PDB file of N, CA and C in Angstrom:
ATOM      1  N   VAL A   1     102.302 112.967 102.067  1.00  0.00           N
ATOM      2  CA  VAL A   1     103.349 111.960 101.870  1.00  0.00           C
ATOM      3  C   VAL A   1     103.429 111.595 100.399  1.00  0.00           C
ATOM      4  N   GLN A   2     104.615 111.639  99.860  1.00  0.00           N
ATOM      5  CA  GLN A   2     104.831 111.172  98.490  1.00  0.00           C
ATOM      6  C   GLN A   2     105.566 109.843  98.528  1.00  0.00           C
ATOM      7  N   LEU A   3     105.158 108.954  97.630  1.00  0.00           N
ATOM      8  CA  LEU A   3     105.787 107.634  97.537  1.00  0.00           C
ATOM      9  C   LEU A   3     106.471 107.531  96.182  1.00  0.00           C
ATOM     10  N   VAL A   4     107.735 107.164  96.193  1.00  0.00           N
ATOM     11  CA  VAL A   4     108.506 107.062  94.958  1.00  0.00           C
ATOM     12  C   VAL A   4     109.127 105.676  94.876  1.00  0.00           C
ATOM     13  N   GLU A   5     108.745 104.964  93.819  1.00  0.00           N
ATOM     14  CA  GLU A   5     109.254 103.614  93.611  1.00  0.00           C
ATOM     15  C   GLU A   5     110.505 103.621  92.733  1.00  0.00           C
ATOM     16  N   SER A   6     111.323 102.605  92.932  1.00  0.00           N
ATOM     17  CA  SER A   6     112.507 102.413  92.091  1.00  0.00           C
ATOM     18  C   SER A   6     112.858 100.939  92.072  1.00  0.00           C
ATOM     19  N   GLY A   7     113.728 100.580  91.153  1.00  0.00           N
ATOM     20  CA  GLY A   7     114.214  99.204  91.115  1.00  0.00           C
ATOM     21  C   GLY A   7     113.649  98.345  90.003  1.00  0.00           C
ATOM     22  N   GLY A   8     112.698  98.880  89.263  1.00  0.00           N
ATOM     23  CA  GLY A   8     112.143  98.102  88.168  1.00  0.00           C
ATOM     24  C   GLY A   8     113.132  97.981  87.018  1.00  0.00           C
ATOM     25  N   GLY A   9     112.754  97.164  86.043  1.00  0.00           N
ATOM     26  CA  GLY A   9     113.624  96.998  84.886  1.00  0.00           C
ATOM     27  C   GLY A   9     113.262  95.769  84.096  1.00  0.00           C
ATOM     28  N   LEU A  10     114.164  95.417  83.207  1.00  0.00           N
ATOM     29  CA  LEU A  10     113.987  94.244  82.347  1.00  0.00           C
ATOM     30  C   LEU A  10     114.836  93.112  82.905  1.00  0.00           C
ATOM     31  N   VAL A  11     114.220  91.956  83.067  1.00  0.00           N
ATOM     32  CA  VAL A  11     114.929  90.805  83.614  1.00  0.00           C
ATOM     33  C   VAL A  11     114.446  89.557  82.903  1.00  0.00           C
ATOM     34  N   GLN A  12     115.300  88.574  82.806  1.00  0.00           N
ATOM     35  CA  GLN A  12     114.894  87.307  82.206  1.00  0.00           C
ATOM     36  C   GLN A  12     114.115  86.471  83.203  1.00  0.00           C
ATOM     37  N   ALA A  13     113.293  85.598  82.687  1.00  0.00           N
ATOM     38  CA  ALA A  13     112.552  84.676  83.547  1.00  0.00           C
ATOM     39  C   ALA A  13     113.519  83.914  84.440  1.00  0.00           C
ATOM     40  N   GLY A  14     113.128  83.782  85.705  1.00  0.00           N
ATOM     41  CA  GLY A  14     113.996  83.143  86.679  1.00  0.00           C
ATOM     42  C   GLY A  14     114.877  84.110  87.436  1.00  0.00           C
ATOM     43  N   GLY A  15     114.924  85.334  86.972  1.00  0.00           N
ATOM     44  CA  GLY A  15     115.772  86.333  87.604  1.00  0.00           C
ATOM     45  C   GLY A  15     115.121  86.981  88.814  1.00  0.00           C
ATOM     46  N   SER A  16     115.817  87.961  89.372  1.00  0.00           N
ATOM     47  CA  SER A  16     115.364  88.631  90.590  1.00  0.00           C
ATOM     48  C   SER A  16     115.433  90.150  90.431  1.00  0.00           C
ATOM     49  N   LEU A  17     114.582  90.802  91.172  1.00  0.00           N
ATOM     50  CA  LEU A  17     114.614  92.255  91.289  1.00  0.00           C
ATOM     51  C   LEU A  17     114.209  92.640  92.699  1.00  0.00           C
ATOM     52  N   ARG A  18     114.694  93.784  93.138  1.00  0.00           N
ATOM     53  CA  ARG A  18     114.274  94.324  94.423  1.00  0.00           C
ATOM     54  C   ARG A  18     113.718  95.712  94.194  1.00  0.00           C
ATOM     55  N   LEU A  19     112.452  95.859  94.485  1.00  0.00           N
ATOM     56  CA  LEU A  19     111.810  97.154  94.357  1.00  0.00           C
ATOM     57  C   LEU A  19     111.886  97.899  95.684  1.00  0.00           C
ATOM     58  N   SER A  20     112.059  99.198  95.592  1.00  0.00           N
ATOM     59  CA  SER A  20     112.091 100.049  96.776  1.00  0.00           C
ATOM     60  C   SER A  20     111.038 101.130  96.649  1.00  0.00           C
ATOM     61  N   CYS A  21     110.514 101.520  97.765  1.00  0.00           N
ATOM     62  CA  CYS A  21     109.531 102.608  97.815  1.00  0.00           C
ATOM     63  C   CYS A  21     109.969 103.549  98.921  1.00  0.00           C
ATOM     64  N   ALA A  22     110.289 104.759  98.554  1.00  0.00           N
ATOM     65  CA  ALA A  22     110.724 105.755  99.524  1.00  0.00           C
ATOM     66  C   ALA A  22     109.593 106.740  99.780  1.00  0.00           C
ATOM     67  N   ALA A  23     109.288 106.954 101.041  1.00  0.00           N
ATOM     68  CA  ALA A  23     108.232 107.891 101.423  1.00  0.00           C
ATOM     69  C   ALA A  23     108.847 109.210 101.868  1.00  0.00           C
ATOM     70  N   SER A  24     108.198 110.296 101.471  1.00  0.00           N
ATOM     71  CA  SER A  24     108.726 111.616 101.837  1.00  0.00           C
ATOM     72  C   SER A  24     108.443 111.956 103.291  1.00  0.00           C
ATOM     73  N   GLY A  25     107.486 111.253 103.882  1.00  0.00           N
ATOM     74  CA  GLY A  25     107.180 111.451 105.284  1.00  0.00           C
ATOM     75  C   GLY A  25     107.201 110.139 106.026  1.00  0.00           C
ATOM     76  N   SER A  26     106.903 110.224 107.298  1.00  0.00           N
ATOM     77  CA  SER A  26     106.943 109.024 108.119  1.00  0.00           C
ATOM     78  C   SER A  26     105.819 108.054 107.751  1.00  0.00           C
ATOM     79  N   ILE A  27     106.135 106.779 107.759  1.00  0.00           N
ATOM     80  CA  ILE A  27     105.114 105.752 107.532  1.00  0.00           C
ATOM     81  C   ILE A  27     104.840 104.970 108.810  1.00  0.00           C
ATOM     82  N   VAL A  28     105.389 105.446 109.910  1.00  0.00           N
ATOM     83  CA  VAL A  28     105.239 104.721 111.174  1.00  0.00           C
ATOM     84  C   VAL A  28     103.777 104.503 111.521  1.00  0.00           C
ATOM     85  N   SER A  29     102.958 105.526 111.247  1.00  0.00           N
ATOM     86  CA  SER A  29     101.554 105.446 111.646  1.00  0.00           C
ATOM     87  C   SER A  29     100.692 104.696 110.635  1.00  0.00           C
ATOM     88  N   ALA A  30     101.275 104.331 109.499  1.00  0.00           N
ATOM     89  CA  ALA A  30     100.492 103.633 108.479  1.00  0.00           C
ATOM     90  C   ALA A  30     100.219 102.204 108.928  1.00  0.00           C
ATOM     91  N   LEU A  31      98.935 101.879 109.075  1.00  0.00           N
ATOM     92  CA  LEU A  31      98.595 100.526 109.523  1.00  0.00           C
ATOM     93  C   LEU A  31      99.049  99.479 108.518  1.00  0.00           C
ATOM     94  N   VAL A  32      98.863  99.795 107.257  1.00  0.00           N
ATOM     95  CA  VAL A  32      99.201  98.851 106.192  1.00  0.00           C
ATOM     96  C   VAL A  32      99.900  99.600 105.072  1.00  0.00           C
ATOM     97  N   VAL A  33     100.928  99.001 104.547  1.00  0.00           N
ATOM     98  CA  VAL A  33     101.521  99.470 103.302  1.00  0.00           C
ATOM     99  C   VAL A  33     101.572  98.285 102.358  1.00  0.00           C
ATOM    100  N   GLY A  34     101.419  98.569 101.077  1.00  0.00           N
ATOM    101  CA  GLY A  34     101.353  97.455 100.143  1.00  0.00           C
ATOM    102  C   GLY A  34     101.988  97.752  98.809  1.00  0.00           C
ATOM    103  N   TRP A  35     102.241  96.685  98.085  1.00  0.00           N
ATOM    104  CA  TRP A  35     102.666  96.753  96.695  1.00  0.00           C
ATOM    105  C   TRP A  35     101.525  96.222  95.829  1.00  0.00           C
ATOM    106  N   TYR A  36     101.221  96.973  94.796  1.00  0.00           N
ATOM    107  CA  TYR A  36     100.194  96.595  93.843  1.00  0.00           C
ATOM    108  C   TYR A  36     100.831  96.543  92.457  1.00  0.00           C
ATOM    109  N   ARG A  37     100.149  95.869  91.541  1.00  0.00           N
ATOM    110  CA  ARG A  37     100.638  95.863  90.169  1.00  0.00           C
ATOM    111  C   ARG A  37      99.473  95.893  89.193  1.00  0.00           C
ATOM    112  N   ARG A  38      99.773  96.460  88.037  1.00  0.00           N
ATOM    113  CA  ARG A  38      98.791  96.481  86.952  1.00  0.00           C
ATOM    114  C   ARG A  38      99.487  95.987  85.703  1.00  0.00           C
ATOM    115  N   ALA A  39      99.040  94.830  85.247  1.00  0.00           N
ATOM    116  CA  ALA A  39      99.591  94.268  84.015  1.00  0.00           C
ATOM    117  C   ALA A  39      98.825  94.833  82.820  1.00  0.00           C
ATOM    118  N   PRO A  40      99.433  94.842  81.657  1.00  0.00           N
ATOM    119  CA  PRO A  40      98.752  95.365  80.466  1.00  0.00           C
ATOM    120  C   PRO A  40      97.410  94.686  80.243  1.00  0.00           C
ATOM    121  N   GLY A  41      96.362  95.488  80.124  1.00  0.00           N
ATOM    122  CA  GLY A  41      95.042  94.955  79.852  1.00  0.00           C
ATOM    123  C   GLY A  41      94.353  94.317  81.034  1.00  0.00           C
ATOM    124  N   LYS A  42      94.936  94.441  82.220  1.00  0.00           N
ATOM    125  CA  LYS A  42      94.346  93.824  83.397  1.00  0.00           C
ATOM    126  C   LYS A  42      94.086  94.862  84.481  1.00  0.00           C
ATOM    127  N   GLN A  43      93.287  94.467  85.445  1.00  0.00           N
ATOM    128  CA  GLN A  43      93.014  95.358  86.565  1.00  0.00           C
ATOM    129  C   GLN A  43      94.170  95.316  87.569  1.00  0.00           C
ATOM    130  N   ARG A  44      94.259  96.390  88.316  1.00  0.00           N
ATOM    131  CA  ARG A  44      95.273  96.439  89.370  1.00  0.00           C
ATOM    132  C   ARG A  44      94.971  95.377  90.420  1.00  0.00           C
ATOM    133  N   GLU A  45      96.028  94.751  90.916  1.00  0.00           N
ATOM    134  CA  GLU A  45      95.852  93.736  91.944  1.00  0.00           C
ATOM    135  C   GLU A  45      96.858  93.947  93.067  1.00  0.00           C
ATOM    136  N   LEU A  46      96.467  93.507  94.248  1.00  0.00           N
ATOM    137  CA  LEU A  46      97.365  93.554  95.388  1.00  0.00           C
ATOM    138  C   LEU A  46      98.384  92.429  95.251  1.00  0.00           C
ATOM    139  N   VAL A  47      99.649  92.771  95.371  1.00  0.00           N
ATOM    140  CA  VAL A  47     100.719  91.785  95.318  1.00  0.00           C
ATOM    141  C   VAL A  47     101.091  91.334  96.723  1.00  0.00           C
ATOM    142  N   ALA A  48     101.306  92.294  97.592  1.00  0.00           N
ATOM    143  CA  ALA A  48     101.713  91.981  98.959  1.00  0.00           C
ATOM    144  C   ALA A  48     101.453  93.182  99.846  1.00  0.00           C
ATOM    145  N   SER A  49     101.230  92.914 101.122  1.00  0.00           N
ATOM    146  CA  SER A  49     101.050  93.998 102.069  1.00  0.00           C
ATOM    147  C   SER A  49     101.692  93.612 103.398  1.00  0.00           C
ATOM    148  N   VAL A  50     101.978  94.628 104.192  1.00  0.00           N
ATOM    149  CA  VAL A  50     102.561  94.384 105.512  1.00  0.00           C
ATOM    150  C   VAL A  50     101.978  95.401 106.492  1.00  0.00           C
ATOM    151  N   THR A  51     101.584  94.924 107.639  1.00  0.00           N
ATOM    152  CA  THR A  51     101.032  95.809 108.660  1.00  0.00           C
ATOM    153  C   THR A  51     102.160  96.410 109.495  1.00  0.00           C
ATOM    154  N   ASN A  52     101.797  97.335 110.356  1.00  0.00           N
ATOM    155  CA  ASN A  52     102.818  97.954 111.196  1.00  0.00           C
ATOM    156  C   ASN A  52     103.278  97.014 112.307  1.00  0.00           C
ATOM    157  N   SER A  53     102.641  95.861 112.432  1.00  0.00           N
ATOM    158  CA  SER A  53     103.116  94.858 113.383  1.00  0.00           C
ATOM    159  C   SER A  53     103.849  93.721 112.671  1.00  0.00           C
ATOM    160  N   GLY A  54     104.010  93.880 111.364  1.00  0.00           N
ATOM    161  CA  GLY A  54     104.810  92.913 110.619  1.00  0.00           C
ATOM    162  C   GLY A  54     104.054  91.759 110.004  1.00  0.00           C
ATOM    163  N   VAL A  55     102.749  91.790 110.056  1.00  0.00           N
ATOM    164  CA  VAL A  55     101.960  90.718 109.452  1.00  0.00           C
ATOM    165  C   VAL A  55     101.908  90.945 107.937  1.00  0.00           C
ATOM    166  N   THR A  56     102.260  89.914 107.197  1.00  0.00           N
ATOM    167  CA  THR A  56     102.309  90.032 105.744  1.00  0.00           C
ATOM    168  C   THR A  56     101.227  89.190 105.078  1.00  0.00           C
ATOM    169  N   THR A  57     100.798  89.648 103.921  1.00  0.00           N
ATOM    170  CA  THR A  57      99.890  88.885 103.082  1.00  0.00           C
ATOM    171  C   THR A  57     100.411  88.942 101.651  1.00  0.00           C
ATOM    172  N   TYR A  58     100.143  87.903 100.887  1.00  0.00           N
ATOM    173  CA  TYR A  58     100.616  87.814  99.517  1.00  0.00           C
ATOM    174  C   TYR A  58      99.524  87.283  98.602  1.00  0.00           C
ATOM    175  N   ALA A  59      99.561  87.735  97.364  1.00  0.00           N
ATOM    176  CA  ALA A  59      98.723  87.126  96.348  1.00  0.00           C
ATOM    177  C   ALA A  59      99.204  85.692  96.142  1.00  0.00           C
ATOM    178  N   ASN A  60      98.275  84.806  95.863  1.00  0.00           N
ATOM    179  CA  ASN A  60      98.649  83.397  95.677  1.00  0.00           C
ATOM    180  C   ASN A  60      99.703  83.229  94.588  1.00  0.00           C
ATOM    181  N   SER A  61      99.631  84.070  93.583  1.00  0.00           N
ATOM    182  CA  SER A  61     100.529  83.926  92.442  1.00  0.00           C
ATOM    183  C   SER A  61     101.990  84.260  92.775  1.00  0.00           C
ATOM    184  N   VAL A  62     102.230  84.932  93.908  1.00  0.00           N
ATOM    185  CA  VAL A  62     103.610  85.315  94.241  1.00  0.00           C
ATOM    186  C   VAL A  62     104.113  84.677  95.529  1.00  0.00           C
ATOM    187  N   LYS A  63     103.259  83.929  96.200  1.00  0.00           N
ATOM    188  CA  LYS A  63     103.669  83.294  97.455  1.00  0.00           C
ATOM    189  C   LYS A  63     104.877  82.401  97.228  1.00  0.00           C
ATOM    190  N   GLY A  64     105.835  82.528  98.116  1.00  0.00           N
ATOM    191  CA  GLY A  64     107.050  81.730  98.006  1.00  0.00           C
ATOM    192  C   GLY A  64     108.100  82.335  97.100  1.00  0.00           C
ATOM    193  N   ARG A  65     107.733  83.396  96.374  1.00  0.00           N
ATOM    194  CA  ARG A  65     108.691  84.025  95.458  1.00  0.00           C
ATOM    195  C   ARG A  65     108.991  85.480  95.834  1.00  0.00           C
ATOM    196  N   PHE A  66     108.009  86.172  96.391  1.00  0.00           N
ATOM    197  CA  PHE A  66     108.158  87.582  96.740  1.00  0.00           C
ATOM    198  C   PHE A  66     108.164  87.743  98.260  1.00  0.00           C
ATOM    199  N   ILE A  67     108.911  88.736  98.720  1.00  0.00           N
ATOM    200  CA  ILE A  67     108.926  89.072 100.142  1.00  0.00           C
ATOM    201  C   ILE A  67     108.797  90.585 100.288  1.00  0.00           C
ATOM    202  N   ILE A  68     107.813  90.997 101.071  1.00  0.00           N
ATOM    203  CA  ILE A  68     107.624  92.418 101.348  1.00  0.00           C
ATOM    204  C   ILE A  68     108.217  92.730 102.713  1.00  0.00           C
ATOM    205  N   SER A  69     108.795  93.908 102.826  1.00  0.00           N
ATOM    206  CA  SER A  69     109.315  94.341 104.121  1.00  0.00           C
ATOM    207  C   SER A  69     109.180  95.858 104.210  1.00  0.00           C
ATOM    208  N   ARG A  70     109.177  96.335 105.416  1.00  0.00           N
ATOM    209  CA  ARG A  70     109.100  97.777 105.626  1.00  0.00           C
ATOM    210  C   ARG A  70     110.130  98.189 106.660  1.00  0.00           C
ATOM    211  N   ASP A  71     110.679  99.362 106.479  1.00  0.00           N
ATOM    212  CA  ASP A  71     111.651  99.929 107.402  1.00  0.00           C
ATOM    213  C   ASP A  71     111.109 101.278 107.837  1.00  0.00           C
ATOM    214  N   ASN A  72     110.435 101.298 108.958  1.00  0.00           N
ATOM    215  CA  ASN A  72     109.803 102.538 109.415  1.00  0.00           C
ATOM    216  C   ASN A  72     110.840 103.627 109.691  1.00  0.00           C
ATOM    217  N   ALA A  73     112.006 103.239 110.160  1.00  0.00           N
ATOM    218  CA  ALA A  73     113.043 104.229 110.465  1.00  0.00           C
ATOM    219  C   ALA A  73     113.499 104.961 109.212  1.00  0.00           C
ATOM    220  N   ARG A  74     113.493 104.264 108.091  1.00  0.00           N
ATOM    221  CA  ARG A  74     113.883 104.860 106.812  1.00  0.00           C
ATOM    222  C   ARG A  74     112.685 105.266 105.968  1.00  0.00           C
ATOM    223  N   SER A  75     111.496 105.068 106.501  1.00  0.00           N
ATOM    224  CA  SER A  75     110.273 105.369 105.743  1.00  0.00           C
ATOM    225  C   SER A  75     110.327 104.718 104.366  1.00  0.00           C
ATOM    226  N   ALA A  76     110.602 103.421 104.371  1.00  0.00           N
ATOM    227  CA  ALA A  76     110.759 102.709 103.109  1.00  0.00           C
ATOM    228  C   ALA A  76     110.048 101.363 103.159  1.00  0.00           C
ATOM    229  N   VAL A  77     109.659 100.926 101.985  1.00  0.00           N
ATOM    230  CA  VAL A  77     109.027  99.618 101.822  1.00  0.00           C
ATOM    231  C   VAL A  77     109.733  98.930 100.659  1.00  0.00           C
ATOM    232  N   TYR A  78     109.939  97.641 100.793  1.00  0.00           N
ATOM    233  CA  TYR A  78     110.676  96.904  99.776  1.00  0.00           C
ATOM    234  C   TYR A  78     109.871  95.700  99.300  1.00  0.00           C
ATOM    235  N   LEU A  79     110.174  95.276  98.094  1.00  0.00           N
ATOM    236  CA  LEU A  79     109.597  94.054  97.566  1.00  0.00           C
ATOM    237  C   LEU A  79     110.714  93.279  96.881  1.00  0.00           C
ATOM    238  N   GLN A  80     111.126  92.198  97.518  1.00  0.00           N
ATOM    239  CA  GLN A  80     112.122  91.322  96.929  1.00  0.00           C
ATOM    240  C   GLN A  80     111.413  90.286  96.083  1.00  0.00           C
ATOM    241  N   MET A  81     111.769  90.230  94.810  1.00  0.00           N
ATOM    242  CA  MET A  81     111.086  89.345  93.869  1.00  0.00           C
ATOM    243  C   MET A  81     112.088  88.337  93.323  1.00  0.00           C
ATOM    244  N   GLU A  82     111.776  87.079  93.514  1.00  0.00           N
ATOM    245  CA  GLU A  82     112.652  85.996  93.059  1.00  0.00           C
ATOM    246  C   GLU A  82     111.917  85.142  92.037  1.00  0.00           C
ATOM    247  N   ASN A  83     112.694  84.404  91.270  1.00  0.00           N
ATOM    248  CA  ASN A  83     112.122  83.467  90.293  1.00  0.00           C
ATOM    249  C   ASN A  83     111.009  84.139  89.474  1.00  0.00           C
ATOM    250  N   LEU A  84     111.331  85.268  88.912  1.00  0.00           N
ATOM    251  CA  LEU A  84     110.336  86.039  88.167  1.00  0.00           C
ATOM    252  C   LEU A  84     109.856  85.298  86.937  1.00  0.00           C
ATOM    253  N   LYS A  85     108.594  85.513  86.620  1.00  0.00           N
ATOM    254  CA  LYS A  85     107.953  84.863  85.485  1.00  0.00           C
ATOM    255  C   LYS A  85     107.438  85.942  84.531  1.00  0.00           C
ATOM    256  N   PRO A  86     107.262  85.607  83.264  1.00  0.00           N
ATOM    257  CA  PRO A  86     106.722  86.605  82.315  1.00  0.00           C
ATOM    258  C   PRO A  86     105.390  87.197  82.783  1.00  0.00           C
ATOM    259  N   GLU A  87     104.587  86.418  83.469  1.00  0.00           N
ATOM    260  CA  GLU A  87     103.304  86.931  83.942  1.00  0.00           C
ATOM    261  C   GLU A  87     103.438  87.913  85.090  1.00  0.00           C
ATOM    262  N   ASP A  88     104.645  88.110  85.593  1.00  0.00           N
ATOM    263  CA  ASP A  88     104.879  89.152  86.598  1.00  0.00           C
ATOM    264  C   ASP A  88     105.091  90.528  85.954  1.00  0.00           C
ATOM    265  N   THR A  89     105.157  90.561  84.645  1.00  0.00           N
ATOM    266  CA  THR A  89     105.328  91.831  83.948  1.00  0.00           C
ATOM    267  C   THR A  89     104.171  92.773  84.263  1.00  0.00           C
ATOM    268  N   ALA A  90     104.504  93.959  84.758  1.00  0.00           N
ATOM    269  CA  ALA A  90     103.468  94.907  85.176  1.00  0.00           C
ATOM    270  C   ALA A  90     104.146  96.193  85.659  1.00  0.00           C
ATOM    271  N   VAL A  91     103.319  97.176  85.906  1.00  0.00           N
ATOM    272  CA  VAL A  91     103.771  98.370  86.618  1.00  0.00           C
ATOM    273  C   VAL A  91     103.456  98.152  88.094  1.00  0.00           C
ATOM    274  N   TYR A  92     104.479  98.258  88.913  1.00  0.00           N
ATOM    275  CA  TYR A  92     104.351  98.008  90.350  1.00  0.00           C
ATOM    276  C   TYR A  92     104.323  99.339  91.095  1.00  0.00           C
ATOM    277  N   SER A  93     103.334  99.476  91.948  1.00  0.00           N
ATOM    278  CA  SER A  93     103.184 100.705  92.721  1.00  0.00           C
ATOM    279  C   SER A  93     103.097 100.368  94.202  1.00  0.00           C
ATOM    280  N   CYS A  94     103.674 101.218  95.011  1.00  0.00           N
ATOM    281  CA  CYS A  94     103.487 101.052  96.453  1.00  0.00           C
ATOM    282  C   CYS A  94     102.396 102.016  96.915  1.00  0.00           C
ATOM    283  N   ALA A  95     101.795 101.690  98.015  1.00  0.00           N
ATOM    284  CA  ALA A  95     100.668 102.498  98.467  1.00  0.00           C
ATOM    285  C   ALA A  95     100.442 102.352  99.963  1.00  0.00           C
ATOM    286  N   ILE A  96      99.916 103.403 100.515  1.00  0.00           N
ATOM    287  CA  ILE A  96      99.282 103.341 101.824  1.00  0.00           C
ATOM    288  C   ILE A  96      97.804 103.390 101.464  1.00  0.00           C
ATOM    289  N   PRO A  97      97.171 102.235 101.392  1.00  0.00           N
ATOM    290  CA  PRO A  97      95.833 102.145 100.808  1.00  0.00           C
ATOM    291  C   PRO A  97      94.843 103.147 101.388  1.00  0.00           C
ATOM    292  N   GLY A  98      94.148 103.787 100.481  1.00  0.00           N
ATOM    293  CA  GLY A  98      93.154 104.768 100.887  1.00  0.00           C
ATOM    294  C   GLY A  98      93.727 106.142 101.142  1.00  0.00           C
ATOM    295  N   HIS A  99      95.041 106.257 101.006  1.00  0.00           N
ATOM    296  CA  HIS A  99      95.678 107.536 101.329  1.00  0.00           C
ATOM    297  C   HIS A  99      96.660 107.995 100.253  1.00  0.00           C
ATOM    298  N   TYR A 100      97.718 107.237 100.055  1.00  0.00           N
ATOM    299  CA  TYR A 100      98.777 107.690  99.157  1.00  0.00           C
ATOM    300  C   TYR A 100      99.188 106.566  98.195  1.00  0.00           C
ATOM    301  N   TRP A 101      99.515 106.988  96.976  1.00  0.00           N
ATOM    302  CA  TRP A 101      99.960 106.058  95.940  1.00  0.00           C
ATOM    303  C   TRP A 101     101.179 106.623  95.244  1.00  0.00           C
ATOM    304  N   GLY A 102     102.080 105.728  94.876  1.00  0.00           N
ATOM    305  CA  GLY A 102     103.197 106.130  94.048  1.00  0.00           C
ATOM    306  C   GLY A 102     102.821 106.010  92.582  1.00  0.00           C
ATOM    307  N   HIS A 103     103.698 106.513  91.718  1.00  0.00           N
ATOM    308  CA  HIS A 103     103.430 106.468  90.282  1.00  0.00           C
ATOM    309  C   HIS A 103     103.791 105.133  89.667  1.00  0.00           C
ATOM    310  N   GLY A 104     104.632 104.382  90.339  1.00  0.00           N
ATOM    311  CA  GLY A 104     104.944 103.048  89.853  1.00  0.00           C
ATOM    312  C   GLY A 104     106.298 102.927  89.190  1.00  0.00           C
ATOM    313  N   THR A 105     106.759 101.682  89.129  1.00  0.00           N
ATOM    314  CA  THR A 105     107.995 101.344  88.426  1.00  0.00           C
ATOM    315  C   THR A 105     107.701 100.110  87.577  1.00  0.00           C
ATOM    316  N   GLU A 106     108.217 100.114  86.372  1.00  0.00           N
ATOM    317  CA  GLU A 106     107.855  99.063  85.426  1.00  0.00           C
ATOM    318  C   GLU A 106     108.786  97.872  85.547  1.00  0.00           C
ATOM    319  N   VAL A 107     108.181  96.706  85.572  1.00  0.00           N
ATOM    320  CA  VAL A 107     108.925  95.440  85.602  1.00  0.00           C
ATOM    321  C   VAL A 107     108.546  94.645  84.358  1.00  0.00           C
ATOM    322  N   THR A 108     109.547  94.248  83.599  1.00  0.00           N
ATOM    323  CA  THR A 108     109.322  93.438  82.412  1.00  0.00           C
ATOM    324  C   THR A 108     110.150  92.175  82.533  1.00  0.00           C
ATOM    325  N   VAL A 109     109.475  91.047  82.429  1.00  0.00           N
ATOM    326  CA  VAL A 109     110.145  89.752  82.534  1.00  0.00           C
ATOM    327  C   VAL A 109     110.064  89.066  81.178  1.00  0.00           C
ATOM    328  N   SER A 110     111.199  88.828  80.592  1.00  0.00           N
ATOM    329  CA  SER A 110     111.232  88.190  79.273  1.00  0.00           C
ATOM    330  C   SER A 110     111.368  86.676  79.426  1.00  0.00           C
ATOM    331  N   SER A 111     110.780  85.985  78.464  1.00  0.00           N
ATOM    332  CA  SER A 111     110.812  84.508  78.529  1.00  0.00           C
ATOM    333  C   SER A 111     112.038  83.953  77.824  1.00  0.00           C
TER     334      SER A 111
END
């Protein structure tokens, strides 16, 4: 399975972006899919994840601002990001943890 992210870009603080992750194969059997990010000079962190039963988890720093969703029929995962902050600047990658990772899409939030 290959994961390809899209939707990143440059946005002003307070703006919104929607990231998409397209899988080349089915993700129906994936127990968990997630979005991770790596900011410059920092370690990769989990941003949000969703199980195949729809249970979601979020990093405290994005709760109330980001929403993760998955569409098994389209083999896609999305991350809706609202009220973006400069500290959200990072490379965002989707993953089926322990199995497959995408190369990432860059998000830059200007102040």
